[in-house]
Amino acid sequence: MTMKYYHATPAENCESIDNQGLKPSNDGIVYLADREELTYFHMMIKDKHKKEGKDKDIDMIALYVIDGDKLDRKKFKRKLQYKKSEVKIIKYADTIPPEALTWIHTIPIEVLYLIPQITEAREAFKTLKQST
């Protein structure tokens, strides 16, 4: 069975991702989730920081699904798990190649605040942040 992971990013990154893959952040990690909702909530947090003047605004969010079978298992670093809902954040320590990525859709960030599943993801994310 193919493991699927999700990653949301500002839509302005799509061209680079499509050409060069999904590159790690400054800490050397690509953060993935086992559920779409958690990636959306992560983007909502980024949006909040940007509105507070810590970075530029995010208007559109692109969602990718990652084929876990095309990734090197040795580069998975740690899973953070919120046991109550089985939400998982997965750390991957390398660039995810374009052939492992499939773009799903691009949506305005405002839409994220209307998705009911975000409430559960928000609670799961808070618990994960407190336990790390």
N, C-alpha and C. Protein backbone atom coordinates (compact mmCIF):
# COMPACT_ATOMS: atom_id res chain seq x y z
N MET A 1 0.84 -1.18 0.00
CA MET A 1 0.00 0.00 0.00
C MET A 1 0.89 1.25 0.00
N THR A 2 0.59 2.18 -0.87
CA THR A 2 1.35 3.42 -0.98
C THR A 2 1.03 4.34 0.19
N MET A 3 2.08 4.84 0.84
CA MET A 3 1.90 5.85 1.89
C MET A 3 1.80 7.21 1.22
N LYS A 4 0.79 7.96 1.60
CA LYS A 4 0.63 9.31 1.07
C LYS A 4 0.86 10.31 2.20
N TYR A 5 1.56 11.37 1.84
CA TYR A 5 1.80 12.47 2.76
C TYR A 5 1.35 13.74 2.07
N TYR A 6 1.13 14.78 2.86
CA TYR A 6 0.64 16.04 2.32
C TYR A 6 1.56 17.18 2.74
N HIS A 7 1.64 18.19 1.87
CA HIS A 7 2.41 19.38 2.16
C HIS A 7 1.71 20.58 1.52
N ALA A 8 1.48 21.62 2.32
CA ALA A 8 0.90 22.86 1.80
C ALA A 8 1.99 23.92 1.80
N THR A 9 1.92 24.79 0.82
CA THR A 9 2.95 25.82 0.66
C THR A 9 2.32 27.04 -0.02
N PRO A 10 2.90 28.23 0.17
CA PRO A 10 2.41 29.37 -0.60
C PRO A 10 2.48 29.06 -2.10
N ALA A 11 1.44 29.43 -2.83
CA ALA A 11 1.34 29.09 -4.25
C ALA A 11 2.50 29.65 -5.07
N GLU A 12 3.10 30.71 -4.60
CA GLU A 12 4.23 31.30 -5.34
C GLU A 12 5.43 30.35 -5.43
N ASN A 13 5.44 29.29 -4.62
CA ASN A 13 6.53 28.31 -4.65
C ASN A 13 6.34 27.20 -5.68
N CYS A 14 5.18 27.13 -6.31
CA CYS A 14 4.84 26.00 -7.19
C CYS A 14 5.82 25.79 -8.35
N GLU A 15 6.19 26.86 -9.03
CA GLU A 15 7.08 26.70 -10.18
C GLU A 15 8.42 26.07 -9.76
N SER A 16 8.98 26.57 -8.67
CA SER A 16 10.23 26.02 -8.16
C SER A 16 10.06 24.56 -7.73
N ILE A 17 8.97 24.25 -7.05
CA ILE A 17 8.71 22.87 -6.60
C ILE A 17 8.55 21.94 -7.78
N ASP A 18 7.80 22.38 -8.79
CA ASP A 18 7.58 21.55 -9.97
C ASP A 18 8.88 21.25 -10.71
N ASN A 19 9.82 22.20 -10.68
CA ASN A 19 11.09 22.03 -11.39
C ASN A 19 12.19 21.37 -10.55
N GLN A 20 12.26 21.73 -9.26
CA GLN A 20 13.38 21.30 -8.43
C GLN A 20 12.99 20.40 -7.27
N GLY A 21 11.71 20.20 -7.06
CA GLY A 21 11.25 19.40 -5.94
C GLY A 21 10.98 20.26 -4.72
N LEU A 22 10.60 19.62 -3.66
CA LEU A 22 10.26 20.29 -2.41
C LEU A 22 11.51 20.30 -1.53
N LYS A 23 12.09 21.48 -1.37
CA LYS A 23 13.36 21.61 -0.65
C LYS A 23 13.12 21.78 0.85
N PRO A 24 14.06 21.29 1.65
CA PRO A 24 13.94 21.45 3.11
C PRO A 24 13.98 22.92 3.52
N SER A 25 13.37 23.20 4.67
CA SER A 25 13.42 24.55 5.22
C SER A 25 14.82 24.79 5.81
N ASN A 26 15.03 25.93 6.44
CA ASN A 26 16.35 26.28 6.97
C ASN A 26 16.89 25.27 7.98
N ASP A 27 16.00 24.51 8.61
CA ASP A 27 16.47 23.51 9.58
C ASP A 27 16.79 22.16 8.94
N GLY A 28 16.75 22.09 7.60
CA GLY A 28 17.10 20.86 6.89
C GLY A 28 15.98 19.84 6.80
N ILE A 29 14.76 20.25 7.12
CA ILE A 29 13.62 19.33 7.18
C ILE A 29 12.50 19.80 6.26
N VAL A 30 11.84 18.83 5.61
CA VAL A 30 10.57 19.06 4.92
C VAL A 30 9.51 18.49 5.84
N TYR A 31 8.55 19.31 6.22
CA TYR A 31 7.49 18.87 7.12
C TYR A 31 6.29 18.38 6.32
N LEU A 32 5.87 17.17 6.62
CA LEU A 32 4.76 16.53 5.93
C LEU A 32 3.70 16.17 6.96
N ALA A 33 2.51 15.88 6.48
CA ALA A 33 1.44 15.43 7.37
C ALA A 33 0.75 14.24 6.74
N ASP A 34 0.13 13.44 7.58
CA ASP A 34 -0.61 12.28 7.07
C ASP A 34 -2.04 12.65 6.70
N ARG A 35 -2.44 13.88 7.05
CA ARG A 35 -3.78 14.34 6.72
C ARG A 35 -3.73 15.76 6.16
N GLU A 36 -4.52 15.98 5.16
CA GLU A 36 -4.57 17.26 4.49
C GLU A 36 -4.86 18.42 5.45
N GLU A 37 -5.77 18.21 6.40
CA GLU A 37 -6.20 19.30 7.28
C GLU A 37 -5.05 19.88 8.09
N LEU A 38 -4.12 19.04 8.51
CA LEU A 38 -3.03 19.53 9.34
C LEU A 38 -2.11 20.45 8.54
N THR A 39 -1.90 20.17 7.27
CA THR A 39 -1.07 21.05 6.46
C THR A 39 -1.76 22.41 6.31
N TYR A 40 -3.07 22.40 6.17
CA TYR A 40 -3.80 23.66 6.05
C TYR A 40 -3.66 24.48 7.33
N PHE A 41 -3.77 23.83 8.48
CA PHE A 41 -3.66 24.57 9.72
C PHE A 41 -2.27 25.18 9.86
N HIS A 42 -1.26 24.44 9.45
CA HIS A 42 0.10 24.96 9.48
C HIS A 42 0.19 26.25 8.65
N MET A 43 -0.45 26.27 7.50
CA MET A 43 -0.44 27.46 6.65
C MET A 43 -1.20 28.60 7.31
N MET A 44 -2.24 28.30 8.08
CA MET A 44 -2.97 29.35 8.79
C MET A 44 -2.06 30.01 9.83
N ILE A 45 -1.24 29.22 10.49
CA ILE A 45 -0.30 29.77 11.47
C ILE A 45 0.70 30.69 10.77
N LYS A 46 1.22 30.23 9.63
CA LYS A 46 2.15 31.07 8.87
C LYS A 46 1.49 32.37 8.45
N ASP A 47 0.23 32.29 8.03
CA ASP A 47 -0.52 33.48 7.61
C ASP A 47 -0.65 34.46 8.78
N LYS A 48 -0.94 33.95 9.96
CA LYS A 48 -1.07 34.79 11.15
C LYS A 48 0.24 35.52 11.43
N HIS A 49 1.37 34.81 11.36
CA HIS A 49 2.67 35.43 11.59
C HIS A 49 2.93 36.53 10.56
N LYS A 50 2.56 36.27 9.33
CA LYS A 50 2.79 37.24 8.27
C LYS A 50 1.95 38.50 8.49
N LYS A 51 0.70 38.31 8.94
CA LYS A 51 -0.17 39.46 9.20
C LYS A 51 0.33 40.27 10.39
N GLU A 52 1.10 39.65 11.26
CA GLU A 52 1.68 40.36 12.40
C GLU A 52 2.98 41.08 12.01
N GLY A 53 3.29 41.07 10.72
CA GLY A 53 4.46 41.78 10.22
C GLY A 53 5.75 41.00 10.30
N LYS A 54 5.68 39.70 10.56
CA LYS A 54 6.89 38.90 10.68
C LYS A 54 7.39 38.40 9.33
N ASP A 55 6.57 38.53 8.29
CA ASP A 55 6.94 38.07 6.96
C ASP A 55 5.90 38.62 5.99
N LYS A 56 6.02 38.30 4.70
CA LYS A 56 5.04 38.81 3.74
C LYS A 56 3.75 37.98 3.77
N ASP A 57 2.69 38.60 3.28
CA ASP A 57 1.37 37.95 3.29
C ASP A 57 1.31 36.75 2.37
N ILE A 58 0.46 35.80 2.75
CA ILE A 58 0.17 34.63 1.92
C ILE A 58 -1.25 34.81 1.39
N ASP A 59 -1.42 34.74 0.07
CA ASP A 59 -2.75 34.89 -0.52
C ASP A 59 -3.33 33.54 -0.93
N MET A 60 -2.50 32.73 -1.59
CA MET A 60 -2.96 31.46 -2.15
C MET A 60 -2.09 30.33 -1.61
N ILE A 61 -2.74 29.18 -1.35
CA ILE A 61 -2.07 28.00 -0.82
C ILE A 61 -2.15 26.88 -1.85
N ALA A 62 -1.03 26.24 -2.10
CA ALA A 62 -1.01 25.07 -2.98
C ALA A 62 -0.84 23.82 -2.11
N LEU A 63 -1.58 22.78 -2.44
CA LEU A 63 -1.47 21.52 -1.71
C LEU A 63 -0.89 20.46 -2.63
N TYR A 64 0.10 19.73 -2.11
CA TYR A 64 0.72 18.62 -2.83
C TYR A 64 0.50 17.33 -2.06
N VAL A 65 0.36 16.24 -2.79
CA VAL A 65 0.39 14.92 -2.17
C VAL A 65 1.72 14.29 -2.57
N ILE A 66 2.34 13.59 -1.63
CA ILE A 66 3.64 12.98 -1.85
C ILE A 66 3.50 11.47 -1.81
N ASP A 67 4.06 10.80 -2.81
CA ASP A 67 4.08 9.34 -2.87
C ASP A 67 5.24 8.85 -2.02
N GLY A 68 4.92 8.34 -0.83
CA GLY A 68 5.94 7.90 0.11
C GLY A 68 6.81 6.77 -0.40
N ASP A 69 6.32 5.99 -1.36
CA ASP A 69 7.12 4.89 -1.92
C ASP A 69 8.29 5.39 -2.75
N LYS A 70 8.26 6.67 -3.13
CA LYS A 70 9.34 7.24 -3.94
C LYS A 70 10.37 7.98 -3.10
N LEU A 71 10.25 7.85 -1.78
CA LEU A 71 11.18 8.53 -0.88
C LEU A 71 12.11 7.52 -0.21
N ASP A 72 13.26 8.00 0.19
CA ASP A 72 14.26 7.18 0.88
C ASP A 72 13.83 7.03 2.35
N ARG A 73 13.50 5.85 2.76
CA ARG A 73 13.02 5.58 4.14
C ARG A 73 14.03 6.02 5.20
N LYS A 74 15.30 6.00 4.87
CA LYS A 74 16.34 6.37 5.83
C LYS A 74 16.33 7.86 6.15
N LYS A 75 15.67 8.63 5.31
CA LYS A 75 15.66 10.08 5.51
C LYS A 75 14.45 10.58 6.28
N PHE A 76 13.57 9.66 6.67
CA PHE A 76 12.48 10.03 7.58
C PHE A 76 13.10 10.13 8.97
N LYS A 77 12.90 11.25 9.64
CA LYS A 77 13.58 11.48 10.91
C LYS A 77 12.72 11.19 12.13
N ARG A 78 11.54 11.69 12.18
CA ARG A 78 10.73 11.54 13.39
C ARG A 78 9.28 11.79 13.05
N LYS A 79 8.43 11.05 13.69
CA LYS A 79 7.00 11.29 13.57
C LYS A 79 6.53 11.88 14.89
N LEU A 80 5.81 12.96 14.80
CA LEU A 80 5.18 13.55 15.97
C LEU A 80 3.71 13.15 15.88
N GLN A 81 3.20 12.53 16.90
CA GLN A 81 1.85 11.99 16.81
C GLN A 81 0.98 12.49 17.95
N TYR A 82 -0.21 12.90 17.58
CA TYR A 82 -1.23 13.27 18.54
C TYR A 82 -2.15 12.07 18.65
N LYS A 83 -2.01 11.31 19.71
CA LYS A 83 -2.65 10.00 19.82
C LYS A 83 -4.18 10.03 19.73
N LYS A 84 -4.79 11.06 20.27
CA LYS A 84 -6.25 11.10 20.29
C LYS A 84 -6.85 11.04 18.88
N SER A 85 -6.26 11.77 17.95
CA SER A 85 -6.83 11.81 16.60
C SER A 85 -5.97 11.09 15.57
N GLU A 86 -4.84 10.56 15.99
CA GLU A 86 -3.93 9.87 15.09
C GLU A 86 -3.35 10.79 14.02
N VAL A 87 -3.34 12.09 14.28
CA VAL A 87 -2.71 13.04 13.36
C VAL A 87 -1.19 12.90 13.51
N LYS A 88 -0.49 12.89 12.39
CA LYS A 88 0.96 12.75 12.42
C LYS A 88 1.62 13.86 11.59
N ILE A 89 2.70 14.40 12.14
CA ILE A 89 3.58 15.29 11.38
C ILE A 89 4.85 14.48 11.15
N ILE A 90 5.28 14.43 9.92
CA ILE A 90 6.44 13.62 9.56
C ILE A 90 7.57 14.55 9.11
N LYS A 91 8.78 14.28 9.61
CA LYS A 91 9.96 15.05 9.22
C LYS A 91 10.77 14.24 8.22
N TYR A 92 11.08 14.88 7.08
CA TYR A 92 11.88 14.24 6.04
C TYR A 92 13.10 15.10 5.78
N ALA A 93 14.29 14.52 5.88
CA ALA A 93 15.54 15.28 5.83
C ALA A 93 16.22 15.27 4.47
N ASP A 94 15.50 15.72 3.45
CA ASP A 94 16.10 15.85 2.12
C ASP A 94 15.07 16.49 1.19
N THR A 95 15.53 16.85 0.00
CA THR A 95 14.62 17.37 -1.02
C THR A 95 13.71 16.23 -1.49
N ILE A 96 12.44 16.53 -1.64
CA ILE A 96 11.50 15.55 -2.20
C ILE A 96 11.45 15.81 -3.70
N PRO A 97 11.83 14.82 -4.50
CA PRO A 97 11.94 15.04 -5.95
C PRO A 97 10.59 15.29 -6.61
N PRO A 98 10.59 16.05 -7.72
CA PRO A 98 9.33 16.35 -8.42
C PRO A 98 8.51 15.11 -8.78
N GLU A 99 9.19 14.00 -9.11
CA GLU A 99 8.45 12.80 -9.51
C GLU A 99 7.68 12.15 -8.35
N ALA A 100 7.95 12.56 -7.13
CA ALA A 100 7.22 12.04 -5.97
C ALA A 100 6.05 12.95 -5.59
N LEU A 101 5.93 14.08 -6.27
CA LEU A 101 4.93 15.10 -5.93
C LEU A 101 3.81 15.17 -6.94
N THR A 102 2.60 15.34 -6.45
CA THR A 102 1.45 15.61 -7.31
C THR A 102 0.71 16.82 -6.75
N TRP A 103 0.57 17.85 -7.57
CA TRP A 103 -0.18 19.03 -7.16
C TRP A 103 -1.65 18.65 -7.11
N ILE A 104 -2.34 19.03 -6.04
CA ILE A 104 -3.77 18.73 -5.90
C ILE A 104 -4.61 19.93 -6.27
N HIS A 105 -4.38 21.05 -5.58
CA HIS A 105 -5.12 22.26 -5.90
C HIS A 105 -4.47 23.48 -5.24
N THR A 106 -4.93 24.64 -5.68
CA THR A 106 -4.53 25.91 -5.10
C THR A 106 -5.79 26.62 -4.66
N ILE A 107 -5.79 27.13 -3.43
CA ILE A 107 -6.98 27.81 -2.91
C ILE A 107 -6.58 29.09 -2.18
N PRO A 108 -7.51 30.06 -2.08
CA PRO A 108 -7.22 31.26 -1.29
C PRO A 108 -7.10 30.90 0.19
N ILE A 109 -6.20 31.55 0.88
CA ILE A 109 -6.00 31.22 2.29
C ILE A 109 -7.26 31.47 3.12
N GLU A 110 -8.09 32.42 2.73
CA GLU A 110 -9.31 32.70 3.49
C GLU A 110 -10.23 31.49 3.57
N VAL A 111 -10.19 30.64 2.56
CA VAL A 111 -11.03 29.44 2.53
C VAL A 111 -10.67 28.50 3.68
N LEU A 112 -9.40 28.49 4.07
CA LEU A 112 -8.96 27.60 5.14
C LEU A 112 -9.72 27.83 6.44
N TYR A 113 -10.09 29.08 6.68
CA TYR A 113 -10.78 29.41 7.92
C TYR A 113 -12.23 28.92 7.92
N LEU A 114 -12.69 28.39 6.81
CA LEU A 114 -14.07 27.90 6.70
C LEU A 114 -14.17 26.38 6.73
N ILE A 115 -13.04 25.68 6.76
CA ILE A 115 -13.03 24.21 6.71
C ILE A 115 -13.27 23.65 8.11
N PRO A 116 -14.35 22.91 8.33
CA PRO A 116 -14.66 22.40 9.68
C PRO A 116 -13.58 21.52 10.28
N GLN A 117 -12.89 20.73 9.48
CA GLN A 117 -11.87 19.82 10.00
C GLN A 117 -10.67 20.56 10.58
N ILE A 118 -10.56 21.85 10.29
CA ILE A 118 -9.44 22.64 10.81
C ILE A 118 -9.49 22.69 12.34
N THR A 119 -10.66 22.66 12.93
CA THR A 119 -10.77 22.71 14.39
C THR A 119 -10.02 21.56 15.03
N GLU A 120 -10.24 20.34 14.54
CA GLU A 120 -9.54 19.18 15.09
C GLU A 120 -8.04 19.29 14.83
N ALA A 121 -7.68 19.71 13.64
CA ALA A 121 -6.26 19.86 13.31
C ALA A 121 -5.61 20.91 14.21
N ARG A 122 -6.32 22.00 14.48
CA ARG A 122 -5.80 23.06 15.34
C ARG A 122 -5.48 22.50 16.73
N GLU A 123 -6.40 21.73 17.29
CA GLU A 123 -6.18 21.15 18.61
C GLU A 123 -5.01 20.15 18.59
N ALA A 124 -4.94 19.35 17.55
CA ALA A 124 -3.85 18.38 17.43
C ALA A 124 -2.51 19.10 17.33
N PHE A 125 -2.47 20.16 16.55
CA PHE A 125 -1.22 20.90 16.36
C PHE A 125 -0.77 21.54 17.66
N LYS A 126 -1.69 22.11 18.42
CA LYS A 126 -1.34 22.72 19.71
C LYS A 126 -0.72 21.67 20.63
N THR A 127 -1.30 20.49 20.67
CA THR A 127 -0.78 19.43 21.53
C THR A 127 0.60 19.00 21.07
N LEU A 128 0.80 18.89 19.76
CA LEU A 128 2.11 18.50 19.23
C LEU A 128 3.16 19.54 19.58
N LYS A 129 2.84 20.81 19.45
CA LYS A 129 3.78 21.88 19.74
C LYS A 129 4.18 21.85 21.22
N GLN A 130 3.24 21.53 22.08
CA GLN A 130 3.52 21.49 23.51
C GLN A 130 4.39 20.29 23.88
N SER A 131 4.28 19.21 23.12
CA SER A 131 5.02 18.00 23.46
C SER A 131 6.41 17.93 22.85
N THR A 132 6.76 18.90 21.98
CA THR A 132 8.09 18.88 21.36
C THR A 132 9.04 19.84 22.01
